[in-house]
Amino acid sequence: MSLLSGLLDHMPPVVIGTESPKVDSQSRPRFVLATRVERPAQFITAPHANAATATPEWRQARDQYLSHIMVCSSCYAPTGRHCTAGAHLRASYDNTPLEARS
């Protein structure tokens, strides 16, 4: 006897030939928005802010930080634990702007 058959013993039997419940043929009311609400965009940025469009300074700060935490046994980024050098690199990374100021 397998584990699966023990689980299936507690299920009710399947009855073949039963029909599905009748669906009401009356049409249901449809909900329509009476007036369209125009909302301004919440976040307005340049075409798309990402690492490819970031400033060279930001990319350098990111690369230095990531290179450090990948080899440092004292740093553990998911919990925010950093050694002194890692903490300075993280602060530099956080304070460097991703987008160039206009």
PDB file of N, CA and C in Angstrom:
ATOM      1  N   MET A   1       0.845  -1.156   0.000  1.00  0.00           N
ATOM      2  CA  MET A   1       0.000   0.000   0.000  1.00  0.00           C
ATOM      3  C   MET A   1       0.902   1.235   0.000  1.00  0.00           C
ATOM      4  N   SER A   2       0.627   2.151  -0.910  1.00  0.00           N
ATOM      5  CA  SER A   2       1.448   3.344  -1.012  1.00  0.00           C
ATOM      6  C   SER A   2       0.886   4.462  -0.139  1.00  0.00           C
ATOM      7  N   LEU A   3       1.688   5.480   0.043  1.00  0.00           N
ATOM      8  CA  LEU A   3       1.230   6.633   0.816  1.00  0.00           C
ATOM      9  C   LEU A   3       0.061   7.332   0.135  1.00  0.00           C
ATOM     10  N   LEU A   4       0.078   7.371  -1.192  1.00  0.00           N
ATOM     11  CA  LEU A   4      -0.982   8.028  -1.923  1.00  0.00           C
ATOM     12  C   LEU A   4      -2.309   7.318  -1.756  1.00  0.00           C
ATOM     13  N   SER A   5      -2.306   6.007  -1.774  1.00  0.00           N
ATOM     14  CA  SER A   5      -3.574   5.287  -1.621  1.00  0.00           C
ATOM     15  C   SER A   5      -4.164   5.504  -0.231  1.00  0.00           C
ATOM     16  N   GLY A   6      -3.308   5.692   0.771  1.00  0.00           N
ATOM     17  CA  GLY A   6      -3.816   5.985   2.104  1.00  0.00           C
ATOM     18  C   GLY A   6      -4.492   7.345   2.159  1.00  0.00           C
ATOM     19  N   LEU A   7      -3.972   8.292   1.395  1.00  0.00           N
ATOM     20  CA  LEU A   7      -4.592   9.608   1.347  1.00  0.00           C
ATOM     21  C   LEU A   7      -5.909   9.588   0.590  1.00  0.00           C
ATOM     22  N   LEU A   8      -5.965   8.777  -0.463  1.00  0.00           N
ATOM     23  CA  LEU A   8      -7.175   8.723  -1.277  1.00  0.00           C
ATOM     24  C   LEU A   8      -8.320   7.993  -0.587  1.00  0.00           C
ATOM     25  N   ASP A   9      -8.044   7.195   0.436  1.00  0.00           N
ATOM     26  CA  ASP A   9      -9.101   6.468   1.140  1.00  0.00           C
ATOM     27  C   ASP A   9     -10.081   7.417   1.819  1.00  0.00           C
ATOM     28  N   HIS A  10      -9.650   8.613   2.136  1.00  0.00           N
ATOM     29  CA  HIS A  10     -10.500   9.547   2.862  1.00  0.00           C
ATOM     30  C   HIS A  10     -11.294  10.470   1.954  1.00  0.00           C
ATOM     31  N   MET A  11     -11.110  10.356   0.644  1.00  0.00           N
ATOM     32  CA  MET A  11     -11.838  11.224  -0.285  1.00  0.00           C
ATOM     33  C   MET A  11     -13.167  10.579  -0.652  1.00  0.00           C
ATOM     34  N   PRO A  12     -14.217  11.373  -0.857  1.00  0.00           N
ATOM     35  CA  PRO A  12     -15.492  10.799  -1.265  1.00  0.00           C
ATOM     36  C   PRO A  12     -15.397  10.253  -2.681  1.00  0.00           C
ATOM     37  N   PRO A  13     -16.211   9.260  -3.005  1.00  0.00           N
ATOM     38  CA  PRO A  13     -16.144   8.678  -4.349  1.00  0.00           C
ATOM     39  C   PRO A  13     -16.663   9.655  -5.402  1.00  0.00           C
ATOM     40  N   VAL A  14     -16.161   9.507  -6.618  1.00  0.00           N
ATOM     41  CA  VAL A  14     -16.598  10.332  -7.734  1.00  0.00           C
ATOM     42  C   VAL A  14     -17.819   9.668  -8.345  1.00  0.00           C
ATOM     43  N   VAL A  15     -18.889  10.435  -8.516  1.00  0.00           N
ATOM     44  CA  VAL A  15     -20.117   9.897  -9.107  1.00  0.00           C
ATOM     45  C   VAL A  15     -20.164  10.362 -10.549  1.00  0.00           C
ATOM     46  N   ILE A  16     -20.210   9.400 -11.461  1.00  0.00           N
ATOM     47  CA  ILE A  16     -20.213   9.714 -12.886  1.00  0.00           C
ATOM     48  C   ILE A  16     -21.658   9.876 -13.338  1.00  0.00           C
ATOM     49  N   GLY A  17     -21.891  10.806 -14.234  1.00  0.00           N
ATOM     50  CA  GLY A  17     -23.225  11.004 -14.783  1.00  0.00           C
ATOM     51  C   GLY A  17     -24.004  12.113 -14.105  1.00  0.00           C
ATOM     52  N   THR A  18     -23.426  12.753 -13.149  1.00  0.00           N
ATOM     53  CA  THR A  18     -24.141  13.874 -12.540  1.00  0.00           C
ATOM     54  C   THR A  18     -23.904  15.108 -13.383  1.00  0.00           C
ATOM     55  N   GLU A  19     -24.905  15.938 -13.478  1.00  0.00           N
ATOM     56  CA  GLU A  19     -24.806  17.143 -14.293  1.00  0.00           C
ATOM     57  C   GLU A  19     -24.363  18.310 -13.442  1.00  0.00           C
ATOM     58  N   SER A  20     -23.774  19.273 -14.097  1.00  0.00           N
ATOM     59  CA  SER A  20     -23.368  20.472 -13.378  1.00  0.00           C
ATOM     60  C   SER A  20     -24.604  21.294 -13.045  1.00  0.00           C
ATOM     61  N   PRO A  21     -24.536  22.114 -12.037  1.00  0.00           N
ATOM     62  CA  PRO A  21     -25.712  22.906 -11.674  1.00  0.00           C
ATOM     63  C   PRO A  21     -26.140  23.820 -12.817  1.00  0.00           C
ATOM     64  N   LYS A  22     -27.424  24.080 -12.905  1.00  0.00           N
ATOM     65  CA  LYS A  22     -27.971  24.920 -13.972  1.00  0.00           C
ATOM     66  C   LYS A  22     -27.509  26.364 -13.761  1.00  0.00           C
ATOM     67  N   VAL A  23     -27.137  26.989 -14.869  1.00  0.00           N
ATOM     68  CA  VAL A  23     -26.715  28.373 -14.827  1.00  0.00           C
ATOM     69  C   VAL A  23     -27.929  29.228 -15.121  1.00  0.00           C
ATOM     70  N   ASP A  24     -28.132  30.268 -14.330  1.00  0.00           N
ATOM     71  CA  ASP A  24     -29.273  31.152 -14.513  1.00  0.00           C
ATOM     72  C   ASP A  24     -29.152  31.834 -15.868  1.00  0.00           C
ATOM     73  N   SER A  25     -30.196  31.763 -16.681  1.00  0.00           N
ATOM     74  CA  SER A  25     -30.146  32.309 -18.027  1.00  0.00           C
ATOM     75  C   SER A  25     -30.432  33.801 -18.075  1.00  0.00           C
ATOM     76  N   GLN A  26     -30.808  34.403 -16.942  1.00  0.00           N
ATOM     77  CA  GLN A  26     -31.072  35.836 -16.935  1.00  0.00           C
ATOM     78  C   GLN A  26     -29.747  36.596 -17.059  1.00  0.00           C
ATOM     79  N   SER A  27     -29.814  37.727 -17.755  1.00  0.00           N
ATOM     80  CA  SER A  27     -28.599  38.517 -17.903  1.00  0.00           C
ATOM     81  C   SER A  27     -28.295  39.241 -16.592  1.00  0.00           C
ATOM     82  N   ARG A  28     -27.052  39.328 -16.286  1.00  0.00           N
ATOM     83  CA  ARG A  28     -26.624  39.976 -15.060  1.00  0.00           C
ATOM     84  C   ARG A  28     -26.372  41.454 -15.336  1.00  0.00           C
ATOM     85  N   PRO A  29     -26.556  42.308 -14.349  1.00  0.00           N
ATOM     86  CA  PRO A  29     -26.280  43.731 -14.581  1.00  0.00           C
ATOM     87  C   PRO A  29     -24.782  43.955 -14.789  1.00  0.00           C
ATOM     88  N   ARG A  30     -24.467  44.880 -15.660  1.00  0.00           N
ATOM     89  CA  ARG A  30     -23.075  45.206 -15.926  1.00  0.00           C
ATOM     90  C   ARG A  30     -22.751  46.524 -15.244  1.00  0.00           C
ATOM     91  N   PHE A  31     -21.619  46.565 -14.615  1.00  0.00           N
ATOM     92  CA  PHE A  31     -21.202  47.766 -13.928  1.00  0.00           C
ATOM     93  C   PHE A  31     -20.314  48.591 -14.848  1.00  0.00           C
ATOM     94  N   VAL A  32     -20.659  49.859 -14.950  1.00  0.00           N
ATOM     95  CA  VAL A  32     -19.924  50.764 -15.821  1.00  0.00           C
ATOM     96  C   VAL A  32     -19.501  51.970 -14.996  1.00  0.00           C
ATOM     97  N   LEU A  33     -18.288  52.420 -15.209  1.00  0.00           N
ATOM     98  CA  LEU A  33     -17.790  53.598 -14.521  1.00  0.00           C
ATOM     99  C   LEU A  33     -18.468  54.821 -15.122  1.00  0.00           C
ATOM    100  N   ALA A  34     -19.176  55.579 -14.305  1.00  0.00           N
ATOM    101  CA  ALA A  34     -19.969  56.703 -14.804  1.00  0.00           C
ATOM    102  C   ALA A  34     -19.097  57.820 -15.366  1.00  0.00           C
ATOM    103  N   THR A  35     -18.077  58.214 -14.650  1.00  0.00           N
ATOM    104  CA  THR A  35     -17.179  59.253 -15.143  1.00  0.00           C
ATOM    105  C   THR A  35     -15.754  58.744 -15.047  1.00  0.00           C
ATOM    106  N   ARG A  36     -15.015  59.007 -16.074  1.00  0.00           N
ATOM    107  CA  ARG A  36     -13.625  58.559 -16.091  1.00  0.00           C
ATOM    108  C   ARG A  36     -12.799  59.468 -15.195  1.00  0.00           C
ATOM    109  N   VAL A  37     -11.988  58.881 -14.348  1.00  0.00           N
ATOM    110  CA  VAL A  37     -11.166  59.634 -13.424  1.00  0.00           C
ATOM    111  C   VAL A  37      -9.755  59.706 -13.987  1.00  0.00           C
ATOM    112  N   GLU A  38      -9.267  60.918 -14.167  1.00  0.00           N
ATOM    113  CA  GLU A  38      -7.908  61.111 -14.656  1.00  0.00           C
ATOM    114  C   GLU A  38      -6.987  61.294 -13.456  1.00  0.00           C
ATOM    115  N   ARG A  39      -5.997  60.457 -13.355  1.00  0.00           N
ATOM    116  CA  ARG A  39      -5.050  60.547 -12.248  1.00  0.00           C
ATOM    117  C   ARG A  39      -3.663  60.826 -12.819  1.00  0.00           C
ATOM    118  N   PRO A  40      -2.928  61.740 -12.198  1.00  0.00           N
ATOM    119  CA  PRO A  40      -1.559  61.992 -12.679  1.00  0.00           C
ATOM    120  C   PRO A  40      -0.664  60.803 -12.339  1.00  0.00           C
ATOM    121  N   ALA A  41       0.379  60.639 -13.113  1.00  0.00           N
ATOM    122  CA  ALA A  41       1.331  59.555 -12.854  1.00  0.00           C
ATOM    123  C   ALA A  41       1.989  59.783 -11.503  1.00  0.00           C
ATOM    124  N   GLN A  42       2.159  58.708 -10.741  1.00  0.00           N
ATOM    125  CA  GLN A  42       2.745  58.835  -9.420  1.00  0.00           C
ATOM    126  C   GLN A  42       4.246  59.062  -9.482  1.00  0.00           C
ATOM    127  N   PHE A  43       4.919  58.388 -10.387  1.00  0.00           N
ATOM    128  CA  PHE A  43       6.362  58.495 -10.491  1.00  0.00           C
ATOM    129  C   PHE A  43       6.707  58.968 -11.897  1.00  0.00           C
ATOM    130  N   ILE A  44       7.357  60.086 -11.959  1.00  0.00           N
ATOM    131  CA  ILE A  44       7.775  60.599 -13.258  1.00  0.00           C
ATOM    132  C   ILE A  44       9.297  60.569 -13.273  1.00  0.00           C
ATOM    133  N   THR A  45       9.819  59.760 -14.145  1.00  0.00           N
ATOM    134  CA  THR A  45      11.268  59.651 -14.272  1.00  0.00           C
ATOM    135  C   THR A  45      11.633  59.819 -15.738  1.00  0.00           C
ATOM    136  N   ALA A  46      12.892  59.754 -15.994  1.00  0.00           N
ATOM    137  CA  ALA A  46      13.375  59.762 -17.362  1.00  0.00           C
ATOM    138  C   ALA A  46      12.805  58.522 -18.055  1.00  0.00           C
ATOM    139  N   PRO A  47      13.101  58.311 -19.324  1.00  0.00           N
ATOM    140  CA  PRO A  47      12.491  57.175 -20.011  1.00  0.00           C
ATOM    141  C   PRO A  47      12.449  55.896 -19.172  1.00  0.00           C
ATOM    142  N   HIS A  48      13.548  55.537 -18.566  1.00  0.00           N
ATOM    143  CA  HIS A  48      13.549  54.382 -17.664  1.00  0.00           C
ATOM    144  C   HIS A  48      14.859  54.407 -16.890  1.00  0.00           C
ATOM    145  N   ALA A  49      14.750  54.428 -15.586  1.00  0.00           N
ATOM    146  CA  ALA A  49      15.949  54.488 -14.760  1.00  0.00           C
ATOM    147  C   ALA A  49      16.415  53.078 -14.446  1.00  0.00           C
ATOM    148  N   ASN A  50      17.581  52.719 -14.928  1.00  0.00           N
ATOM    149  CA  ASN A  50      18.151  51.407 -14.633  1.00  0.00           C
ATOM    150  C   ASN A  50      19.672  51.504 -14.716  1.00  0.00           C
ATOM    151  N   ALA A  51      20.336  50.417 -14.489  1.00  0.00           N
ATOM    152  CA  ALA A  51      21.797  50.430 -14.459  1.00  0.00           C
ATOM    153  C   ALA A  51      22.399  50.804 -15.816  1.00  0.00           C
ATOM    154  N   ALA A  52      21.702  50.481 -16.900  1.00  0.00           N
ATOM    155  CA  ALA A  52      22.231  50.806 -18.225  1.00  0.00           C
ATOM    156  C   ALA A  52      22.226  52.308 -18.487  1.00  0.00           C
ATOM    157  N   THR A  53      21.276  53.029 -17.884  1.00  0.00           N
ATOM    158  CA  THR A  53      21.189  54.470 -18.095  1.00  0.00           C
ATOM    159  C   THR A  53      21.734  55.256 -16.908  1.00  0.00           C
ATOM    160  N   ALA A  54      22.316  54.577 -15.954  1.00  0.00           N
ATOM    161  CA  ALA A  54      22.822  55.231 -14.743  1.00  0.00           C
ATOM    162  C   ALA A  54      24.097  56.003 -15.020  1.00  0.00           C
ATOM    163  N   THR A  55      24.415  56.879 -14.079  1.00  0.00           N
ATOM    164  CA  THR A  55      25.649  57.659 -14.201  1.00  0.00           C
ATOM    165  C   THR A  55      26.861  56.741 -13.994  1.00  0.00           C
ATOM    166  N   PRO A  56      27.990  57.086 -14.596  1.00  0.00           N
ATOM    167  CA  PRO A  56      29.194  56.264 -14.399  1.00  0.00           C
ATOM    168  C   PRO A  56      29.616  56.202 -12.934  1.00  0.00           C
ATOM    169  N   GLU A  57      29.388  57.281 -12.188  1.00  0.00           N
ATOM    170  CA  GLU A  57      29.741  57.290 -10.759  1.00  0.00           C
ATOM    171  C   GLU A  57      28.922  56.265  -9.986  1.00  0.00           C
ATOM    172  N   TRP A  58      27.618  56.180 -10.313  1.00  0.00           N
ATOM    173  CA  TRP A  58      26.752  55.223  -9.631  1.00  0.00           C
ATOM    174  C   TRP A  58      27.186  53.795  -9.936  1.00  0.00           C
ATOM    175  N   ARG A  59      27.490  53.537 -11.206  1.00  0.00           N
ATOM    176  CA  ARG A  59      27.929  52.186 -11.586  1.00  0.00           C
ATOM    177  C   ARG A  59      29.235  51.812 -10.896  1.00  0.00           C
ATOM    178  N   GLN A  60      30.145  52.770 -10.773  1.00  0.00           N
ATOM    179  CA  GLN A  60      31.406  52.494 -10.091  1.00  0.00           C
ATOM    180  C   GLN A  60      31.162  52.203  -8.606  1.00  0.00           C
ATOM    181  N   ALA A  61      30.322  53.008  -7.961  1.00  0.00           N
ATOM    182  CA  ALA A  61      30.015  52.778  -6.542  1.00  0.00           C
ATOM    183  C   ALA A  61      29.342  51.424  -6.352  1.00  0.00           C
ATOM    184  N   ARG A  62      28.425  51.058  -7.252  1.00  0.00           N
ATOM    185  CA  ARG A  62      27.757  49.756  -7.177  1.00  0.00           C
ATOM    186  C   ARG A  62      28.750  48.616  -7.344  1.00  0.00           C
ATOM    187  N   ASP A  63      29.618  48.730  -8.350  1.00  0.00           N
ATOM    188  CA  ASP A  63      30.581  47.663  -8.615  1.00  0.00           C
ATOM    189  C   ASP A  63      31.564  47.476  -7.469  1.00  0.00           C
ATOM    190  N   GLN A  64      32.020  48.588  -6.882  1.00  0.00           N
ATOM    191  CA  GLN A  64      32.938  48.475  -5.749  1.00  0.00           C
ATOM    192  C   GLN A  64      32.256  47.809  -4.560  1.00  0.00           C
ATOM    193  N   TYR A  65      31.011  48.203  -4.279  1.00  0.00           N
ATOM    194  CA  TYR A  65      30.269  47.621  -3.155  1.00  0.00           C
ATOM    195  C   TYR A  65      30.031  46.127  -3.380  1.00  0.00           C
ATOM    196  N   LEU A  66      29.537  45.764  -4.559  1.00  0.00           N
ATOM    197  CA  LEU A  66      29.246  44.350  -4.835  1.00  0.00           C
ATOM    198  C   LEU A  66      30.514  43.502  -4.842  1.00  0.00           C
ATOM    199  N   SER A  67      31.598  44.046  -5.405  1.00  0.00           N
ATOM    200  CA  SER A  67      32.858  43.295  -5.413  1.00  0.00           C
ATOM    201  C   SER A  67      33.336  43.029  -3.991  1.00  0.00           C
ATOM    202  N   HIS A  68      33.126  43.988  -3.102  1.00  0.00           N
ATOM    203  CA  HIS A  68      33.555  43.807  -1.720  1.00  0.00           C
ATOM    204  C   HIS A  68      32.703  42.765  -0.992  1.00  0.00           C
ATOM    205  N   ILE A  69      31.381  42.900  -1.070  1.00  0.00           N
ATOM    206  CA  ILE A  69      30.540  41.987  -0.277  1.00  0.00           C
ATOM    207  C   ILE A  69      30.571  40.550  -0.783  1.00  0.00           C
ATOM    208  N   MET A  70      30.980  40.358  -2.028  1.00  0.00           N
ATOM    209  CA  MET A  70      31.062  38.992  -2.551  1.00  0.00           C
ATOM    210  C   MET A  70      32.242  38.216  -1.970  1.00  0.00           C
ATOM    211  N   VAL A  71      33.272  38.925  -1.536  1.00  0.00           N
ATOM    212  CA  VAL A  71      34.451  38.235  -1.016  1.00  0.00           C
ATOM    213  C   VAL A  71      34.645  38.405   0.489  1.00  0.00           C
ATOM    214  N   CYS A  72      33.961  39.378   1.083  1.00  0.00           N
ATOM    215  CA  CYS A  72      34.158  39.649   2.511  1.00  0.00           C
ATOM    216  C   CYS A  72      33.304  38.696   3.348  1.00  0.00           C
ATOM    217  N   SER A  73      33.936  37.971   4.230  1.00  0.00           N
ATOM    218  CA  SER A  73      33.196  37.021   5.061  1.00  0.00           C
ATOM    219  C   SER A  73      32.464  37.704   6.215  1.00  0.00           C
ATOM    220  N   SER A  74      32.792  38.958   6.502  1.00  0.00           N
ATOM    221  CA  SER A  74      32.117  39.685   7.581  1.00  0.00           C
ATOM    222  C   SER A  74      30.832  40.361   7.112  1.00  0.00           C
ATOM    223  N   CYS A  75      30.714  40.614   5.827  1.00  0.00           N
ATOM    224  CA  CYS A  75      29.542  41.315   5.295  1.00  0.00           C
ATOM    225  C   CYS A  75      28.454  40.319   4.908  1.00  0.00           C
ATOM    226  N   TYR A  76      27.214  40.658   5.254  1.00  0.00           N
ATOM    227  CA  TYR A  76      26.061  39.859   4.843  1.00  0.00           C
ATOM    228  C   TYR A  76      24.944  40.845   4.515  1.00  0.00           C
ATOM    229  N   ALA A  77      24.827  41.198   3.233  1.00  0.00           N
ATOM    230  CA  ALA A  77      23.933  42.260   2.790  1.00  0.00           C
ATOM    231  C   ALA A  77      22.454  42.025   3.114  1.00  0.00           C
ATOM    232  N   PRO A  78      21.897  40.796   3.023  1.00  0.00           N
ATOM    233  CA  PRO A  78      20.463  40.631   3.301  1.00  0.00           C
ATOM    234  C   PRO A  78      20.045  41.095   4.693  1.00  0.00           C
ATOM    235  N   THR A  79      20.942  41.026   5.660  1.00  0.00           N
ATOM    236  CA  THR A  79      20.591  41.484   7.007  1.00  0.00           C
ATOM    237  C   THR A  79      21.183  42.848   7.318  1.00  0.00           C
ATOM    238  N   GLY A  80      21.927  43.426   6.374  1.00  0.00           N
ATOM    239  CA  GLY A  80      22.517  44.739   6.587  1.00  0.00           C
ATOM    240  C   GLY A  80      23.760  44.714   7.453  1.00  0.00           C
ATOM    241  N   ARG A  81      24.398  43.569   7.559  1.00  0.00           N
ATOM    242  CA  ARG A  81      25.615  43.452   8.369  1.00  0.00           C
ATOM    243  C   ARG A  81      26.821  43.703   7.474  1.00  0.00           C
ATOM    244  N   HIS A  82      27.631  44.711   7.844  1.00  0.00           N
ATOM    245  CA  HIS A  82      28.805  45.054   7.041  1.00  0.00           C
ATOM    246  C   HIS A  82      29.996  45.308   7.955  1.00  0.00           C
ATOM    247  N   CYS A  83      31.171  45.010   7.432  1.00  0.00           N
ATOM    248  CA  CYS A  83      32.398  45.405   8.124  1.00  0.00           C
ATOM    249  C   CYS A  83      32.567  46.910   7.908  1.00  0.00           C
ATOM    250  N   THR A  84      33.605  47.498   8.452  1.00  0.00           N
ATOM    251  CA  THR A  84      33.808  48.945   8.338  1.00  0.00           C
ATOM    252  C   THR A  84      33.940  49.380   6.881  1.00  0.00           C
ATOM    253  N   ALA A  85      34.762  48.659   6.124  1.00  0.00           N
ATOM    254  CA  ALA A  85      34.943  49.005   4.710  1.00  0.00           C
ATOM    255  C   ALA A  85      33.643  48.804   3.937  1.00  0.00           C
ATOM    256  N   GLY A  86      32.934  47.726   4.226  1.00  0.00           N
ATOM    257  CA  GLY A  86      31.660  47.455   3.559  1.00  0.00           C
ATOM    258  C   GLY A  86      30.615  48.504   3.875  1.00  0.00           C
ATOM    259  N   ALA A  87      30.598  48.987   5.117  1.00  0.00           N
ATOM    260  CA  ALA A  87      29.647  50.024   5.501  1.00  0.00           C
ATOM    261  C   ALA A  87      29.931  51.324   4.755  1.00  0.00           C
ATOM    262  N   HIS A  88      31.217  51.671   4.580  1.00  0.00           N
ATOM    263  CA  HIS A  88      31.569  52.881   3.844  1.00  0.00           C
ATOM    264  C   HIS A  88      31.202  52.739   2.364  1.00  0.00           C
ATOM    265  N   LEU A  89      31.462  51.567   1.798  1.00  0.00           N
ATOM    266  CA  LEU A  89      31.114  51.346   0.392  1.00  0.00           C
ATOM    267  C   LEU A  89      29.595  51.375   0.199  1.00  0.00           C
ATOM    268  N   ARG A  90      28.852  50.815   1.144  1.00  0.00           N
ATOM    269  CA  ARG A  90      27.386  50.833   1.052  1.00  0.00           C
ATOM    270  C   ARG A  90      26.862  52.266   1.155  1.00  0.00           C
ATOM    271  N   ALA A  91      27.408  53.056   2.051  1.00  0.00           N
ATOM    272  CA  ALA A  91      26.989  54.454   2.193  1.00  0.00           C
ATOM    273  C   ALA A  91      27.297  55.236   0.913  1.00  0.00           C
ATOM    274  N   SER A  92      28.445  54.987   0.337  1.00  0.00           N
ATOM    275  CA  SER A  92      28.804  55.648  -0.918  1.00  0.00           C
ATOM    276  C   SER A  92      27.846  55.240  -2.027  1.00  0.00           C
ATOM    277  N   TYR A  93      27.506  53.969  -2.097  1.00  0.00           N
ATOM    278  CA  TYR A  93      26.565  53.440  -3.093  1.00  0.00           C
ATOM    279  C   TYR A  93      25.188  54.055  -2.903  1.00  0.00           C
ATOM    280  N   ASP A  94      24.720  54.153  -1.663  1.00  0.00           N
ATOM    281  CA  ASP A  94      23.397  54.709  -1.387  1.00  0.00           C
ATOM    282  C   ASP A  94      23.333  56.206  -1.677  1.00  0.00           C
ATOM    283  N   ASN A  95      24.428  56.925  -1.473  1.00  0.00           N
ATOM    284  CA  ASN A  95      24.423  58.379  -1.633  1.00  0.00           C
ATOM    285  C   ASN A  95      24.759  58.848  -3.036  1.00  0.00           C
ATOM    286  N   THR A  96      25.186  57.950  -3.909  1.00  0.00           N
ATOM    287  CA  THR A  96      25.507  58.329  -5.283  1.00  0.00           C
ATOM    288  C   THR A  96      24.224  58.318  -6.109  1.00  0.00           C
ATOM    289  N   PRO A  97      23.900  59.428  -6.797  1.00  0.00           N
ATOM    290  CA  PRO A  97      22.651  59.482  -7.569  1.00  0.00           C
ATOM    291  C   PRO A  97      22.680  58.537  -8.771  1.00  0.00           C
ATOM    292  N   LEU A  98      21.551  57.877  -8.988  1.00  0.00           N
ATOM    293  CA  LEU A  98      21.405  56.967 -10.134  1.00  0.00           C
ATOM    294  C   LEU A  98      21.282  57.741 -11.431  1.00  0.00           C
ATOM    295  N   GLU A  99      20.540  58.838 -11.383  1.00  0.00           N
ATOM    296  CA  GLU A  99      20.322  59.640 -12.578  1.00  0.00           C
ATOM    297  C   GLU A  99      21.080  60.955 -12.466  1.00  0.00           C
ATOM    298  N   ALA A 100      21.493  61.471 -13.589  1.00  0.00           N
ATOM    299  CA  ALA A 100      22.188  62.754 -13.602  1.00  0.00           C
ATOM    300  C   ALA A 100      21.192  63.861 -13.272  1.00  0.00           C
ATOM    301  N   ARG A 101      21.622  64.820 -12.488  1.00  0.00           N
ATOM    302  CA  ARG A 101      20.768  65.955 -12.148  1.00  0.00           C
ATOM    303  C   ARG A 101      20.578  66.819 -13.397  1.00  0.00           C
ATOM    304  N   SER A 102      19.360  67.274 -13.617  1.00  0.00           N
ATOM    305  CA  SER A 102      19.083  68.104 -14.800  1.00  0.00           C
ATOM    306  C   SER A 102      19.229  69.562 -14.476  1.00  0.00           C
TER     307      SER A 102
END
